[in-house]
Amino acid sequence: MVEVFSRVPRVIVPLVVLAELLAGFTGGKRAERNRTDLAKFLASPRVSLALPDRQTAESYASVFQQLRKASNPIPTNDIWVAATAIQAAIPLITLDQHFRSVAKLRSASSLSELLGGGR
């Protein structure tokens, strides 16, 4: 994952991902170091924070309905992440395979997969 993030020209971090990272840091032994590293990452001019808006909510509703019809639910926060990526028309870099079931979402788990097209 680090290789992917270091080589792409632009990284968009959905607000819900930031919240999950911060929540994960709270119980860890390296909470302060992780927060410092995250702050440096977010300060990069290539990185921006995506705040949800009405269009994100519309995208969320569409993804939710598509997954519901397919009887293929995924975690709620992941629907927000998928909706944000779809809205921004960017690929989602993830190791979570359940994102592959989201229509209109291009996802990849490695740089070669991303460059090769992903799904």
PDB file of N, CA and C in Angstrom:
ATOM      1  N   MET A   1       0.801  -1.188   0.000  1.00  0.00           N
ATOM      2  CA  MET A   1       0.000   0.000   0.000  1.00  0.00           C
ATOM      3  C   MET A   1       0.853   1.265   0.000  1.00  0.00           C
ATOM      4  N   VAL A   2       1.933   1.269   0.763  1.00  0.00           N
ATOM      5  CA  VAL A   2       2.788   2.453   0.816  1.00  0.00           C
ATOM      6  C   VAL A   2       3.317   2.775  -0.577  1.00  0.00           C
ATOM      7  N   GLU A   3       3.684   1.741  -1.336  1.00  0.00           N
ATOM      8  CA  GLU A   3       4.179   1.956  -2.694  1.00  0.00           C
ATOM      9  C   GLU A   3       3.121   2.646  -3.550  1.00  0.00           C
ATOM     10  N   VAL A   4       1.894   2.207  -3.437  1.00  0.00           N
ATOM     11  CA  VAL A   4       0.810   2.817  -4.219  1.00  0.00           C
ATOM     12  C   VAL A   4       0.682   4.287  -3.857  1.00  0.00           C
ATOM     13  N   PHE A   5       0.577   4.591  -2.580  1.00  0.00           N
ATOM     14  CA  PHE A   5       0.369   5.974  -2.153  1.00  0.00           C
ATOM     15  C   PHE A   5       1.559   6.872  -2.484  1.00  0.00           C
ATOM     16  N   SER A   6       2.744   6.308  -2.535  1.00  0.00           N
ATOM     17  CA  SER A   6       3.917   7.126  -2.850  1.00  0.00           C
ATOM     18  C   SER A   6       4.051   7.404  -4.341  1.00  0.00           C
ATOM     19  N   ARG A   7       3.338   6.656  -5.184  1.00  0.00           N
ATOM     20  CA  ARG A   7       3.512   6.804  -6.631  1.00  0.00           C
ATOM     21  C   ARG A   7       2.330   7.415  -7.360  1.00  0.00           C
ATOM     22  N   VAL A   8       1.203   7.540  -6.715  1.00  0.00           N
ATOM     23  CA  VAL A   8       0.054   8.141  -7.392  1.00  0.00           C
ATOM     24  C   VAL A   8       0.118   9.662  -7.239  1.00  0.00           C
ATOM     25  N   PRO A   9      -0.404  10.396  -8.234  1.00  0.00           N
ATOM     26  CA  PRO A   9      -0.300  11.858  -8.187  1.00  0.00           C
ATOM     27  C   PRO A   9      -1.241  12.520  -7.189  1.00  0.00           C
ATOM     28  N   ARG A  10      -2.301  11.813  -6.805  1.00  0.00           N
ATOM     29  CA  ARG A  10      -3.321  12.422  -5.951  1.00  0.00           C
ATOM     30  C   ARG A  10      -3.915  11.362  -5.035  1.00  0.00           C
ATOM     31  N   VAL A  11      -4.097  11.712  -3.782  1.00  0.00           N
ATOM     32  CA  VAL A  11      -4.718  10.818  -2.809  1.00  0.00           C
ATOM     33  C   VAL A  11      -5.868  11.577  -2.150  1.00  0.00           C
ATOM     34  N   ILE A  12      -7.043  10.976  -2.183  1.00  0.00           N
ATOM     35  CA  ILE A  12      -8.201  11.562  -1.514  1.00  0.00           C
ATOM     36  C   ILE A  12      -8.563  10.650  -0.346  1.00  0.00           C
ATOM     37  N   VAL A  13      -8.629  11.230   0.830  1.00  0.00           N
ATOM     38  CA  VAL A  13      -8.954  10.484   2.048  1.00  0.00           C
ATOM     39  C   VAL A  13     -10.379  10.851   2.462  1.00  0.00           C
ATOM     40  N   PRO A  14     -11.307   9.896   2.382  1.00  0.00           N
ATOM     41  CA  PRO A  14     -12.666  10.188   2.845  1.00  0.00           C
ATOM     42  C   PRO A  14     -12.673  10.470   4.353  1.00  0.00           C
ATOM     43  N   LEU A  15     -13.537  11.365   4.774  1.00  0.00           N
ATOM     44  CA  LEU A  15     -13.639  11.717   6.186  1.00  0.00           C
ATOM     45  C   LEU A  15     -13.823  10.488   7.070  1.00  0.00           C
ATOM     46  N   VAL A  16     -14.621   9.532   6.617  1.00  0.00           N
ATOM     47  CA  VAL A  16     -14.875   8.335   7.428  1.00  0.00           C
ATOM     48  C   VAL A  16     -13.591   7.510   7.590  1.00  0.00           C
ATOM     49  N   VAL A  17     -12.708   7.532   6.605  1.00  0.00           N
ATOM     50  CA  VAL A  17     -11.427   6.820   6.736  1.00  0.00           C
ATOM     51  C   VAL A  17     -10.560   7.515   7.783  1.00  0.00           C
ATOM     52  N   LEU A  18     -10.529   8.830   7.746  1.00  0.00           N
ATOM     53  CA  LEU A  18      -9.782   9.571   8.769  1.00  0.00           C
ATOM     54  C   LEU A  18     -10.311   9.227  10.158  1.00  0.00           C
ATOM     55  N   ALA A  19     -11.628   9.203  10.306  1.00  0.00           N
ATOM     56  CA  ALA A  19     -12.226   8.871  11.607  1.00  0.00           C
ATOM     57  C   ALA A  19     -11.846   7.463  12.057  1.00  0.00           C
ATOM     58  N   GLU A  20     -11.866   6.514  11.128  1.00  0.00           N
ATOM     59  CA  GLU A  20     -11.503   5.132  11.482  1.00  0.00           C
ATOM     60  C   GLU A  20     -10.033   5.039  11.880  1.00  0.00           C
ATOM     61  N   LEU A  21      -9.168   5.756  11.172  1.00  0.00           N
ATOM     62  CA  LEU A  21      -7.745   5.749  11.542  1.00  0.00           C
ATOM     63  C   LEU A  21      -7.549   6.321  12.946  1.00  0.00           C
ATOM     64  N   LEU A  22      -8.147   7.461  13.197  1.00  0.00           N
ATOM     65  CA  LEU A  22      -8.006   8.083  14.520  1.00  0.00           C
ATOM     66  C   LEU A  22      -8.566   7.192  15.618  1.00  0.00           C
ATOM     67  N   ALA A  23      -9.693   6.549  15.358  1.00  0.00           N
ATOM     68  CA  ALA A  23     -10.271   5.631  16.340  1.00  0.00           C
ATOM     69  C   ALA A  23      -9.331   4.454  16.595  1.00  0.00           C
ATOM     70  N   GLY A  24      -8.714   3.963  15.537  1.00  0.00           N
ATOM     71  CA  GLY A  24      -7.771   2.857  15.683  1.00  0.00           C
ATOM     72  C   GLY A  24      -6.538   3.243  16.480  1.00  0.00           C
ATOM     73  N   PHE A  25      -6.120   4.477  16.356  1.00  0.00           N
ATOM     74  CA  PHE A  25      -4.934   4.939  17.089  1.00  0.00           C
ATOM     75  C   PHE A  25      -5.186   5.021  18.590  1.00  0.00           C
ATOM     76  N   THR A  26      -6.419   5.268  19.000  1.00  0.00           N
ATOM     77  CA  THR A  26      -6.697   5.558  20.408  1.00  0.00           C
ATOM     78  C   THR A  26      -6.313   4.422  21.345  1.00  0.00           C
ATOM     79  N   GLY A  27      -6.424   3.194  20.910  1.00  0.00           N
ATOM     80  CA  GLY A  27      -6.107   2.075  21.792  1.00  0.00           C
ATOM     81  C   GLY A  27      -4.701   1.546  21.636  1.00  0.00           C
ATOM     82  N   GLY A  28      -3.943   2.131  20.724  1.00  0.00           N
ATOM     83  CA  GLY A  28      -2.612   1.601  20.440  1.00  0.00           C
ATOM     84  C   GLY A  28      -1.507   2.202  21.283  1.00  0.00           C
ATOM     85  N   LYS A  29      -0.362   1.528  21.281  1.00  0.00           N
ATOM     86  CA  LYS A  29       0.807   1.985  22.035  1.00  0.00           C
ATOM     87  C   LYS A  29       1.553   3.098  21.310  1.00  0.00           C
ATOM     88  N   ARG A  30       1.255   3.265  20.001  1.00  0.00           N
ATOM     89  CA  ARG A  30       1.951   4.282  19.210  1.00  0.00           C
ATOM     90  C   ARG A  30       0.992   5.394  18.771  1.00  0.00           C
ATOM     91  N   ALA A  31       0.009   5.676  19.588  1.00  0.00           N
ATOM     92  CA  ALA A  31      -1.034   6.639  19.205  1.00  0.00           C
ATOM     93  C   ALA A  31      -0.453   7.988  18.785  1.00  0.00           C
ATOM     94  N   GLU A  32       0.447   8.526  19.588  1.00  0.00           N
ATOM     95  CA  GLU A  32       1.002   9.844  19.268  1.00  0.00           C
ATOM     96  C   GLU A  32       1.853   9.799  18.004  1.00  0.00           C
ATOM     97  N   ARG A  33       2.645   8.780  17.855  1.00  0.00           N
ATOM     98  CA  ARG A  33       3.482   8.644  16.645  1.00  0.00           C
ATOM     99  C   ARG A  33       2.594   8.476  15.411  1.00  0.00           C
ATOM    100  N   ASN A  34       1.561   7.645  15.521  1.00  0.00           N
ATOM    101  CA  ASN A  34       0.643   7.457  14.401  1.00  0.00           C
ATOM    102  C   ASN A  34      -0.046   8.761  14.024  1.00  0.00           C
ATOM    103  N   ARG A  35      -0.462   9.533  15.015  1.00  0.00           N
ATOM    104  CA  ARG A  35      -1.106  10.822  14.739  1.00  0.00           C
ATOM    105  C   ARG A  35      -0.133  11.778  14.039  1.00  0.00           C
ATOM    106  N   THR A  36       1.110  11.770  14.471  1.00  0.00           N
ATOM    107  CA  THR A  36       2.125  12.629  13.846  1.00  0.00           C
ATOM    108  C   THR A  36       2.362  12.207  12.403  1.00  0.00           C
ATOM    109  N   ASP A  37       2.511  10.913  12.168  1.00  0.00           N
ATOM    110  CA  ASP A  37       2.711  10.414  10.806  1.00  0.00           C
ATOM    111  C   ASP A  37       1.507  10.731   9.921  1.00  0.00           C
ATOM    112  N   LEU A  38       0.324  10.581  10.469  1.00  0.00           N
ATOM    113  CA  LEU A  38      -0.887  10.877   9.710  1.00  0.00           C
ATOM    114  C   LEU A  38      -0.960  12.364   9.378  1.00  0.00           C
ATOM    115  N   ALA A  39      -0.630  13.206  10.326  1.00  0.00           N
ATOM    116  CA  ALA A  39      -0.652  14.657  10.086  1.00  0.00           C
ATOM    117  C   ALA A  39       0.321  15.029   8.967  1.00  0.00           C
ATOM    118  N   LYS A  40       1.491  14.414   8.946  1.00  0.00           N
ATOM    119  CA  LYS A  40       2.462  14.670   7.863  1.00  0.00           C
ATOM    120  C   LYS A  40       1.897  14.216   6.520  1.00  0.00           C
ATOM    121  N   PHE A  41       1.289  13.057   6.508  1.00  0.00           N
ATOM    122  CA  PHE A  41       0.693  12.529   5.285  1.00  0.00           C
ATOM    123  C   PHE A  41      -0.401  13.467   4.776  1.00  0.00           C
ATOM    124  N   LEU A  42      -1.284  13.883   5.658  1.00  0.00           N
ATOM    125  CA  LEU A  42      -2.393  14.758   5.277  1.00  0.00           C
ATOM    126  C   LEU A  42      -1.920  16.143   4.849  1.00  0.00           C
ATOM    127  N   ALA A  43      -0.736  16.555   5.308  1.00  0.00           N
ATOM    128  CA  ALA A  43      -0.194  17.870   4.953  1.00  0.00           C
ATOM    129  C   ALA A  43       0.405  17.898   3.547  1.00  0.00           C
ATOM    130  N   SER A  44       0.578  16.748   2.944  1.00  0.00           N
ATOM    131  CA  SER A  44       1.146  16.694   1.594  1.00  0.00           C
ATOM    132  C   SER A  44       0.215  17.404   0.612  1.00  0.00           C
ATOM    133  N   PRO A  45       0.770  18.158  -0.330  1.00  0.00           N
ATOM    134  CA  PRO A  45      -0.086  18.818  -1.327  1.00  0.00           C
ATOM    135  C   PRO A  45      -0.810  17.832  -2.245  1.00  0.00           C
ATOM    136  N   ARG A  46      -0.378  16.577  -2.270  1.00  0.00           N
ATOM    137  CA  ARG A  46      -1.040  15.547  -3.081  1.00  0.00           C
ATOM    138  C   ARG A  46      -2.255  14.952  -2.375  1.00  0.00           C
ATOM    139  N   VAL A  47      -2.418  15.240  -1.091  1.00  0.00           N
ATOM    140  CA  VAL A  47      -3.456  14.607  -0.288  1.00  0.00           C
ATOM    141  C   VAL A  47      -4.547  15.627   0.047  1.00  0.00           C
ATOM    142  N   SER A  48      -5.785  15.192  -0.119  1.00  0.00           N
ATOM    143  CA  SER A  48      -6.904  16.045   0.289  1.00  0.00           C
ATOM    144  C   SER A  48      -7.933  15.213   1.041  1.00  0.00           C
ATOM    145  N   LEU A  49      -8.652  15.885   1.904  1.00  0.00           N
ATOM    146  CA  LEU A  49      -9.699  15.252   2.699  1.00  0.00           C
ATOM    147  C   LEU A  49     -11.029  15.467   1.995  1.00  0.00           C
ATOM    148  N   ALA A  50     -11.766  14.386   1.779  1.00  0.00           N
ATOM    149  CA  ALA A  50     -13.072  14.467   1.114  1.00  0.00           C
ATOM    150  C   ALA A  50     -14.165  14.523   2.166  1.00  0.00           C
ATOM    151  N   LEU A  51     -14.876  15.621   2.176  1.00  0.00           N
ATOM    152  CA  LEU A  51     -15.993  15.787   3.102  1.00  0.00           C
ATOM    153  C   LEU A  51     -17.280  15.400   2.398  1.00  0.00           C
ATOM    154  N   PRO A  52     -18.132  14.623   3.049  1.00  0.00           N
ATOM    155  CA  PRO A  52     -19.381  14.221   2.402  1.00  0.00           C
ATOM    156  C   PRO A  52     -20.307  15.418   2.202  1.00  0.00           C
ATOM    157  N   ASP A  53     -21.055  15.370   1.107  1.00  0.00           N
ATOM    158  CA  ASP A  53     -22.044  16.398   0.816  1.00  0.00           C
ATOM    159  C   ASP A  53     -23.293  15.710   0.259  1.00  0.00           C
ATOM    160  N   ARG A  54     -24.195  16.490  -0.281  1.00  0.00           N
ATOM    161  CA  ARG A  54     -25.447  15.921  -0.788  1.00  0.00           C
ATOM    162  C   ARG A  54     -25.188  14.908  -1.912  1.00  0.00           C
ATOM    163  N   GLN A  55     -24.245  15.203  -2.776  1.00  0.00           N
ATOM    164  CA  GLN A  55     -23.921  14.277  -3.874  1.00  0.00           C
ATOM    165  C   GLN A  55     -23.364  12.963  -3.325  1.00  0.00           C
ATOM    166  N   THR A  56     -22.567  13.045  -2.265  1.00  0.00           N
ATOM    167  CA  THR A  56     -22.050  11.833  -1.621  1.00  0.00           C
ATOM    168  C   THR A  56     -23.199  11.018  -1.051  1.00  0.00           C
ATOM    169  N   ALA A  57     -24.173  11.698  -0.461  1.00  0.00           N
ATOM    170  CA  ALA A  57     -25.339  11.011   0.099  1.00  0.00           C
ATOM    171  C   ALA A  57     -26.140  10.314  -0.998  1.00  0.00           C
ATOM    172  N   GLU A  58     -26.269  10.956  -2.150  1.00  0.00           N
ATOM    173  CA  GLU A  58     -26.962  10.333  -3.283  1.00  0.00           C
ATOM    174  C   GLU A  58     -26.203   9.101  -3.758  1.00  0.00           C
ATOM    175  N   SER A  59     -24.882   9.207  -3.825  1.00  0.00           N
ATOM    176  CA  SER A  59     -24.053   8.075  -4.226  1.00  0.00           C
ATOM    177  C   SER A  59     -24.167   6.939  -3.207  1.00  0.00           C
ATOM    178  N   TYR A  60     -24.178   7.305  -1.916  1.00  0.00           N
ATOM    179  CA  TYR A  60     -24.351   6.319  -0.839  1.00  0.00           C
ATOM    180  C   TYR A  60     -25.661   5.560  -1.042  1.00  0.00           C
ATOM    181  N   ALA A  61     -26.739   6.302  -1.277  1.00  0.00           N
ATOM    182  CA  ALA A  61     -28.054   5.671  -1.446  1.00  0.00           C
ATOM    183  C   ALA A  61     -28.054   4.703  -2.624  1.00  0.00           C
ATOM    184  N   SER A  62     -27.395   5.085  -3.703  1.00  0.00           N
ATOM    185  CA  SER A  62     -27.317   4.227  -4.886  1.00  0.00           C
ATOM    186  C   SER A  62     -26.535   2.943  -4.592  1.00  0.00           C
ATOM    187  N   VAL A  63     -25.387   3.085  -3.934  1.00  0.00           N
ATOM    188  CA  VAL A  63     -24.572   1.913  -3.584  1.00  0.00           C
ATOM    189  C   VAL A  63     -25.333   1.024  -2.611  1.00  0.00           C
ATOM    190  N   PHE A  64     -25.946   1.619  -1.596  1.00  0.00           N
ATOM    191  CA  PHE A  64     -26.724   0.863  -0.617  1.00  0.00           C
ATOM    192  C   PHE A  64     -27.803   0.030  -1.308  1.00  0.00           C
ATOM    193  N   GLN A  65     -28.553   0.663  -2.211  1.00  0.00           N
ATOM    194  CA  GLN A  65     -29.636  -0.034  -2.902  1.00  0.00           C
ATOM    195  C   GLN A  65     -29.099  -1.153  -3.787  1.00  0.00           C
ATOM    196  N   GLN A  66     -28.015  -0.892  -4.495  1.00  0.00           N
ATOM    197  CA  GLN A  66     -27.419  -1.921  -5.364  1.00  0.00           C
ATOM    198  C   GLN A  66     -26.999  -3.144  -4.551  1.00  0.00           C
ATOM    199  N   LEU A  67     -26.353  -2.919  -3.412  1.00  0.00           N
ATOM    200  CA  LEU A  67     -25.909  -4.027  -2.570  1.00  0.00           C
ATOM    201  C   LEU A  67     -27.093  -4.739  -1.925  1.00  0.00           C
ATOM    202  N   ARG A  68     -28.110  -3.980  -1.557  1.00  0.00           N
ATOM    203  CA  ARG A  68     -29.307  -4.572  -0.953  1.00  0.00           C
ATOM    204  C   ARG A  68     -30.011  -5.495  -1.945  1.00  0.00           C
ATOM    205  N   LYS A  69     -30.161  -5.031  -3.179  1.00  0.00           N
ATOM    206  CA  LYS A  69     -30.795  -5.857  -4.215  1.00  0.00           C
ATOM    207  C   LYS A  69     -30.018  -7.139  -4.460  1.00  0.00           C
ATOM    208  N   ALA A  70     -28.713  -7.059  -4.347  1.00  0.00           N
ATOM    209  CA  ALA A  70     -27.864  -8.225  -4.575  1.00  0.00           C
ATOM    210  C   ALA A  70     -27.720  -9.082  -3.316  1.00  0.00           C
ATOM    211  N   SER A  71     -28.381  -8.687  -2.235  1.00  0.00           N
ATOM    212  CA  SER A  71     -28.245  -9.362  -0.938  1.00  0.00           C
ATOM    213  C   SER A  71     -26.770  -9.520  -0.570  1.00  0.00           C
ATOM    214  N   ASN A  72     -26.038  -8.433  -0.735  1.00  0.00           N
ATOM    215  CA  ASN A  72     -24.599  -8.450  -0.510  1.00  0.00           C
ATOM    216  C   ASN A  72     -24.185  -7.228   0.315  1.00  0.00           C
ATOM    217  N   PRO A  73     -24.595  -7.174   1.576  1.00  0.00           N
ATOM    218  CA  PRO A  73     -24.277  -5.995   2.380  1.00  0.00           C
ATOM    219  C   PRO A  73     -22.784  -5.901   2.695  1.00  0.00           C
ATOM    220  N   ILE A  74     -22.328  -4.680   2.880  1.00  0.00           N
ATOM    221  CA  ILE A  74     -20.970  -4.428   3.361  1.00  0.00           C
ATOM    222  C   ILE A  74     -21.104  -3.441   4.516  1.00  0.00           C
ATOM    223  N   PRO A  75     -20.060  -3.259   5.326  1.00  0.00           N
ATOM    224  CA  PRO A  75     -20.163  -2.334   6.463  1.00  0.00           C
ATOM    225  C   PRO A  75     -20.566  -0.920   6.017  1.00  0.00           C
ATOM    226  N   THR A  76     -21.354  -0.269   6.850  1.00  0.00           N
ATOM    227  CA  THR A  76     -21.875   1.059   6.541  1.00  0.00           C
ATOM    228  C   THR A  76     -20.773   2.056   6.197  1.00  0.00           C
ATOM    229  N   ASN A  77     -19.726   2.102   7.001  1.00  0.00           N
ATOM    230  CA  ASN A  77     -18.643   3.048   6.699  1.00  0.00           C
ATOM    231  C   ASN A  77     -18.019   2.762   5.340  1.00  0.00           C
ATOM    232  N   ASP A  78     -17.978   1.506   4.945  1.00  0.00           N
ATOM    233  CA  ASP A  78     -17.402   1.165   3.642  1.00  0.00           C
ATOM    234  C   ASP A  78     -18.302   1.612   2.491  1.00  0.00           C
ATOM    235  N   ILE A  79     -19.601   1.686   2.739  1.00  0.00           N
ATOM    236  CA  ILE A  79     -20.491   2.240   1.719  1.00  0.00           C
ATOM    237  C   ILE A  79     -20.167   3.719   1.534  1.00  0.00           C
ATOM    238  N   TRP A  80     -19.911   4.439   2.618  1.00  0.00           N
ATOM    239  CA  TRP A  80     -19.511   5.848   2.516  1.00  0.00           C
ATOM    240  C   TRP A  80     -18.204   5.988   1.752  1.00  0.00           C
ATOM    241  N   VAL A  81     -17.249   5.105   2.015  1.00  0.00           N
ATOM    242  CA  VAL A  81     -15.963   5.148   1.317  1.00  0.00           C
ATOM    243  C   VAL A  81     -16.177   4.912  -0.179  1.00  0.00           C
ATOM    244  N   ALA A  82     -16.951   3.892  -0.514  1.00  0.00           N
ATOM    245  CA  ALA A  82     -17.232   3.594  -1.928  1.00  0.00           C
ATOM    246  C   ALA A  82     -17.952   4.766  -2.587  1.00  0.00           C
ATOM    247  N   ALA A  83     -18.922   5.339  -1.900  1.00  0.00           N
ATOM    248  CA  ALA A  83     -19.674   6.473  -2.450  1.00  0.00           C
ATOM    249  C   ALA A  83     -18.752   7.656  -2.733  1.00  0.00           C
ATOM    250  N   THR A  84     -17.800   7.892  -1.847  1.00  0.00           N
ATOM    251  CA  THR A  84     -16.853   8.988  -2.033  1.00  0.00           C
ATOM    252  C   THR A  84     -15.969   8.740  -3.248  1.00  0.00           C
ATOM    253  N   ALA A  85     -15.472   7.512  -3.399  1.00  0.00           N
ATOM    254  CA  ALA A  85     -14.616   7.185  -4.546  1.00  0.00           C
ATOM    255  C   ALA A  85     -15.389   7.291  -5.857  1.00  0.00           C
ATOM    256  N   ILE A  86     -16.620   6.813  -5.859  1.00  0.00           N
ATOM    257  CA  ILE A  86     -17.452   6.900  -7.066  1.00  0.00           C
ATOM    258  C   ILE A  86     -17.706   8.363  -7.404  1.00  0.00           C
ATOM    259  N   GLN A  87     -18.056   9.150  -6.408  1.00  0.00           N
ATOM    260  CA  GLN A  87     -18.331  10.576  -6.621  1.00  0.00           C
ATOM    261  C   GLN A  87     -17.110  11.295  -7.196  1.00  0.00           C
ATOM    262  N   ALA A  88     -15.927  10.989  -6.682  1.00  0.00           N
ATOM    263  CA  ALA A  88     -14.701  11.643  -7.133  1.00  0.00           C
ATOM    264  C   ALA A  88     -14.150  11.028  -8.417  1.00  0.00           C
ATOM    265  N   ALA A  89     -14.753   9.927  -8.875  1.00  0.00           N
ATOM    266  CA  ALA A  89     -14.303   9.215 -10.080  1.00  0.00           C
ATOM    267  C   ALA A  89     -12.828   8.814  -9.974  1.00  0.00           C
ATOM    268  N   ILE A  90     -12.493   8.246  -8.816  1.00  0.00           N
ATOM    269  CA  ILE A  90     -11.128   7.780  -8.583  1.00  0.00           C
ATOM    270  C   ILE A  90     -11.162   6.318  -8.153  1.00  0.00           C
ATOM    271  N   PRO A  91     -10.070   5.583  -8.398  1.00  0.00           N
ATOM    272  CA  PRO A  91     -10.031   4.201  -7.918  1.00  0.00           C
ATOM    273  C   PRO A  91      -9.846   4.160  -6.405  1.00  0.00           C
ATOM    274  N   LEU A  92     -10.372   3.117  -5.813  1.00  0.00           N
ATOM    275  CA  LEU A  92     -10.235   2.899  -4.381  1.00  0.00           C
ATOM    276  C   LEU A  92      -9.117   1.888  -4.169  1.00  0.00           C
ATOM    277  N   ILE A  93      -8.130   2.262  -3.388  1.00  0.00           N
ATOM    278  CA  ILE A  93      -7.028   1.364  -3.070  1.00  0.00           C
ATOM    279  C   ILE A  93      -7.369   0.698  -1.742  1.00  0.00           C
ATOM    280  N   THR A  94      -7.535  -0.618  -1.763  1.00  0.00           N
ATOM    281  CA  THR A  94      -7.985  -1.335  -0.566  1.00  0.00           C
ATOM    282  C   THR A  94      -7.600  -2.798  -0.624  1.00  0.00           C
ATOM    283  N   LEU A  95      -7.457  -3.398   0.531  1.00  0.00           N
ATOM    284  CA  LEU A  95      -7.249  -4.841   0.619  1.00  0.00           C
ATOM    285  C   LEU A  95      -8.564  -5.568   0.897  1.00  0.00           C
ATOM    286  N   ASP A  96      -9.635  -4.811   1.154  1.00  0.00           N
ATOM    287  CA  ASP A  96     -10.935  -5.408   1.457  1.00  0.00           C
ATOM    288  C   ASP A  96     -11.627  -5.846   0.165  1.00  0.00           C
ATOM    289  N   GLN A  97     -11.790  -7.138   0.014  1.00  0.00           N
ATOM    290  CA  GLN A  97     -12.353  -7.696  -1.216  1.00  0.00           C
ATOM    291  C   GLN A  97     -13.830  -7.374  -1.408  1.00  0.00           C
ATOM    292  N   HIS A  98     -14.553  -7.069  -0.328  1.00  0.00           N
ATOM    293  CA  HIS A  98     -15.992  -6.823  -0.488  1.00  0.00           C
ATOM    294  C   HIS A  98     -16.288  -5.584  -1.334  1.00  0.00           C
ATOM    295  N   PHE A  99     -15.315  -4.699  -1.509  1.00  0.00           N
ATOM    296  CA  PHE A  99     -15.537  -3.535  -2.371  1.00  0.00           C
ATOM    297  C   PHE A  99     -15.710  -3.937  -3.838  1.00  0.00           C
ATOM    298  N   ARG A 100     -15.241  -5.107  -4.198  1.00  0.00           N
ATOM    299  CA  ARG A 100     -15.348  -5.558  -5.594  1.00  0.00           C
ATOM    300  C   ARG A 100     -16.797  -5.801  -6.012  1.00  0.00           C
ATOM    301  N   SER A 101     -17.678  -5.906  -5.040  1.00  0.00           N
ATOM    302  CA  SER A 101     -19.085  -6.136  -5.372  1.00  0.00           C
ATOM    303  C   SER A 101     -19.854  -4.837  -5.601  1.00  0.00           C
ATOM    304  N   VAL A 102     -19.192  -3.711  -5.473  1.00  0.00           N
ATOM    305  CA  VAL A 102     -19.849  -2.417  -5.662  1.00  0.00           C
ATOM    306  C   VAL A 102     -19.751  -2.009  -7.127  1.00  0.00           C
ATOM    307  N   ALA A 103     -20.913  -1.912  -7.778  1.00  0.00           N
ATOM    308  CA  ALA A 103     -20.949  -1.492  -9.178  1.00  0.00           C
ATOM    309  C   ALA A 103     -20.433  -0.057  -9.295  1.00  0.00           C
ATOM    310  N   LYS A 104     -19.849   0.260 -10.417  1.00  0.00           N
ATOM    311  CA  LYS A 104     -19.340   1.602 -10.731  1.00  0.00           C
ATOM    312  C   LYS A 104     -18.119   1.990  -9.918  1.00  0.00           C
ATOM    313  N   LEU A 105     -17.596   1.074  -9.107  1.00  0.00           N
ATOM    314  CA  LEU A 105     -16.422   1.373  -8.295  1.00  0.00           C
ATOM    315  C   LEU A 105     -15.215   0.650  -8.878  1.00  0.00           C
ATOM    316  N   ARG A 106     -14.180   1.397  -9.171  1.00  0.00           N
ATOM    317  CA  ARG A 106     -12.923   0.799  -9.613  1.00  0.00           C
ATOM    318  C   ARG A 106     -12.059   0.641  -8.375  1.00  0.00           C
ATOM    319  N   SER A 107     -11.642  -0.597  -8.104  1.00  0.00           N
ATOM    320  CA  SER A 107     -10.813  -0.833  -6.924  1.00  0.00           C
ATOM    321  C   SER A 107      -9.582  -1.637  -7.309  1.00  0.00           C
ATOM    322  N   ALA A 108      -8.548  -1.484  -6.497  1.00  0.00           N
ATOM    323  CA  ALA A 108      -7.291  -2.187  -6.715  1.00  0.00           C
ATOM    324  C   ALA A 108      -6.635  -2.416  -5.360  1.00  0.00           C
ATOM    325  N   SER A 109      -5.810  -3.447  -5.277  1.00  0.00           N
ATOM    326  CA  SER A 109      -5.115  -3.725  -4.021  1.00  0.00           C
ATOM    327  C   SER A 109      -3.606  -3.583  -4.141  1.00  0.00           C
ATOM    328  N   SER A 110      -3.117  -3.250  -5.354  1.00  0.00           N
ATOM    329  CA  SER A 110      -1.676  -3.089  -5.552  1.00  0.00           C
ATOM    330  C   SER A 110      -1.437  -2.092  -6.674  1.00  0.00           C
ATOM    331  N   LEU A 111      -0.201  -1.627  -6.790  1.00  0.00           N
ATOM    332  CA  LEU A 111       0.151  -0.691  -7.844  1.00  0.00           C
ATOM    333  C   LEU A 111       0.004  -1.338  -9.208  1.00  0.00           C
ATOM    334  N   SER A 112       0.444  -2.595  -9.347  1.00  0.00           N
ATOM    335  CA  SER A 112       0.326  -3.269 -10.646  1.00  0.00           C
ATOM    336  C   SER A 112      -1.137  -3.458 -11.032  1.00  0.00           C
ATOM    337  N   GLU A 113      -1.976  -3.783 -10.061  1.00  0.00           N
ATOM    338  CA  GLU A 113      -3.403  -3.928 -10.359  1.00  0.00           C
ATOM    339  C   GLU A 113      -4.004  -2.573 -10.729  1.00  0.00           C
ATOM    340  N   LEU A 114      -3.610  -1.532 -10.025  1.00  0.00           N
ATOM    341  CA  LEU A 114      -4.105  -0.192 -10.322  1.00  0.00           C
ATOM    342  C   LEU A 114      -3.706   0.224 -11.736  1.00  0.00           C
ATOM    343  N   LEU A 115      -2.452   0.031 -12.071  1.00  0.00           N
ATOM    344  CA  LEU A 115      -1.960   0.408 -13.398  1.00  0.00           C
ATOM    345  C   LEU A 115      -2.488  -0.507 -14.495  1.00  0.00           C
ATOM    346  N   GLY A 116      -2.797  -1.751 -14.112  1.00  0.00           N
ATOM    347  CA  GLY A 116      -3.328  -2.703 -15.072  1.00  0.00           C
ATOM    348  C   GLY A 116      -4.817  -2.571 -15.256  1.00  0.00           C
ATOM    349  N   GLY A 117      -5.445  -1.697 -14.510  1.00  0.00           N
ATOM    350  CA  GLY A 117      -6.862  -1.464 -14.700  1.00  0.00           C
ATOM    351  C   GLY A 117      -7.722  -1.770 -13.505  1.00  0.00           C
ATOM    352  N   GLY A 118      -7.313  -2.726 -12.637  1.00  0.00           N
ATOM    353  CA  GLY A 118      -8.151  -3.077 -11.493  1.00  0.00           C
ATOM    354  C   GLY A 118      -9.539  -3.467 -11.925  1.00  0.00           C
ATOM    355  N   ARG A 119     -10.504  -3.379 -11.013  1.00  0.00           N
ATOM    356  CA  ARG A 119     -11.895  -3.610 -11.377  1.00  0.00           C
ATOM    357  C   ARG A 119     -12.630  -2.306 -11.308  1.00  0.00           C
TER     358      ARG A 119
END
